[in-house]
Amino acid sequence: MKTGSIKDAAATGGFWSAWLLLAAALLIPNPTAAFFLSFLSVTAAVVPLAFGNAKLRISSIIALLLAVALASSVVGKARNDPYFKKNRATPSLQKG
């Protein structure tokens, strides 16, 4: 087993996390969960962009763009989620 630096491990972990979160976001049919997972995928893709080698950076850019596209496509459906509409209609506990 080859020992590496923490920077390489963080870049590789962020790379795999971004792609796995994106795959999970594509598989889950709930728009709110897909938006949340794609947002997490964008967040995880930032680490390989900062610390990865050229291959990791290119692949992270692709994952980042796909996650942003997925998030923008489900944001309208996520806004109309009945669970959040129900909770928004309740009055605030702290008044005044």
Protein backbone atom coordinates (compact mmCIF):
# COMPACT_ATOMS: atom_id res chain seq x y z
CA MET A 1 0.00 0.00 0.00
CA LYS A 2 1.37 3.33 -1.03
CA THR A 3 1.37 6.03 1.60
CA GLY A 4 0.38 9.48 0.48
CA SER A 5 -0.34 12.86 1.91
CA ILE A 6 -3.49 13.99 3.61
CA LYS A 7 -4.04 16.41 0.73
CA ASP A 8 -4.21 13.51 -1.75
CA ALA A 9 -6.54 11.55 0.52
CA ALA A 10 -8.87 14.55 0.95
CA ALA A 11 -8.95 15.18 -2.80
CA THR A 12 -9.70 11.54 -3.58
CA GLY A 13 -12.33 11.32 -0.84
CA GLY A 14 -14.02 14.49 -2.04
CA PHE A 15 -13.99 13.15 -5.60
CA TRP A 16 -15.69 9.88 -4.68
CA SER A 17 -18.09 11.61 -2.30
CA ALA A 18 -19.18 14.05 -4.99
CA TRP A 19 -19.87 11.29 -7.52
CA LEU A 20 -21.65 9.01 -5.02
CA LEU A 21 -23.85 11.85 -3.76
CA LEU A 22 -24.68 12.77 -7.35
CA ALA A 23 -25.60 9.17 -8.12
CA ALA A 24 -27.81 9.02 -5.03
CA ALA A 25 -29.48 12.30 -6.01
CA LEU A 26 -30.26 10.90 -9.45
CA LEU A 27 -31.72 7.68 -8.02
CA ILE A 28 -33.98 9.18 -5.34
CA PRO A 29 -37.30 10.32 -6.85
CA ASN A 30 -38.08 12.89 -4.15
CA PRO A 31 -37.21 16.39 -5.49
CA THR A 32 -36.34 17.79 -2.07
CA ALA A 33 -33.91 14.96 -1.33
CA ALA A 34 -32.43 15.21 -4.83
CA PHE A 35 -31.86 18.94 -4.36
CA PHE A 36 -30.23 18.40 -0.96
CA LEU A 37 -27.96 15.60 -2.21
CA SER A 38 -26.95 17.55 -5.31
CA PHE A 39 -26.11 20.53 -3.08
CA LEU A 40 -23.93 18.23 -0.96
CA SER A 41 -22.33 16.91 -4.15
CA VAL A 42 -21.40 20.45 -5.19
CA THR A 43 -19.92 21.02 -1.76
CA ALA A 44 -17.89 17.79 -1.90
CA ALA A 45 -16.60 18.59 -5.41
CA VAL A 46 -14.89 21.76 -4.21
CA VAL A 47 -12.11 19.94 -2.33
CA PRO A 48 -10.74 18.07 -5.38
CA LEU A 49 -10.91 21.29 -7.35
CA ALA A 50 -8.62 22.94 -4.84
CA PHE A 51 -6.20 20.11 -4.02
CA GLY A 52 -6.48 17.42 -6.71
CA ASN A 53 -4.34 16.63 -9.70
CA ALA A 54 -5.46 17.38 -13.26
CA LYS A 55 -7.60 14.25 -13.67
CA LEU A 56 -9.40 14.80 -10.37
CA ARG A 57 -10.00 18.46 -11.19
CA ILE A 58 -11.52 17.73 -14.59
CA SER A 59 -13.75 15.02 -13.20
CA SER A 60 -14.75 17.24 -10.28
CA ILE A 61 -15.71 20.02 -12.68
CA ILE A 62 -17.94 17.57 -14.54
CA ALA A 63 -19.53 16.39 -11.28
CA LEU A 64 -19.99 19.98 -10.15
CA LEU A 65 -21.69 21.01 -13.39
CA LEU A 66 -23.96 17.96 -13.37
CA ALA A 67 -24.92 18.57 -9.74
CA VAL A 68 -25.69 22.23 -10.41
CA ALA A 69 -27.80 21.23 -13.41
CA LEU A 70 -29.69 18.66 -11.32
CA ALA A 71 -30.23 21.12 -8.47
CA SER A 72 -31.56 23.78 -10.82
CA SER A 73 -33.90 21.30 -12.48
CA VAL A 74 -35.51 20.10 -9.22
CA VAL A 75 -35.59 23.37 -7.27
CA GLY A 76 -39.05 24.29 -8.60
CA LYS A 77 -40.48 20.92 -7.64
CA ALA A 78 -38.78 21.05 -4.25
CA ARG A 79 -40.39 24.41 -3.49
CA ASN A 80 -43.83 22.90 -4.00
CA ASP A 81 -43.21 20.02 -1.61
CA PRO A 82 -46.34 19.61 0.56
CA TYR A 83 -44.31 18.95 3.71
CA PHE A 84 -42.66 22.37 3.56
CA LYS A 85 -45.87 24.12 2.60
CA LYS A 86 -47.56 22.60 5.65
CA ASN A 87 -44.77 23.79 7.96
CA ARG A 88 -44.65 27.27 6.42
CA ALA A 89 -48.36 27.80 7.08
CA THR A 90 -47.99 27.38 10.85
CA PRO A 91 -47.50 30.60 12.80
CA SER A 92 -44.24 31.33 14.54
CA LEU A 93 -43.99 30.57 18.24
CA GLN A 94 -42.11 33.74 19.04
CA LYS A 95 -44.12 36.86 18.52
CA GLY A 96 -42.89 40.06 19.31
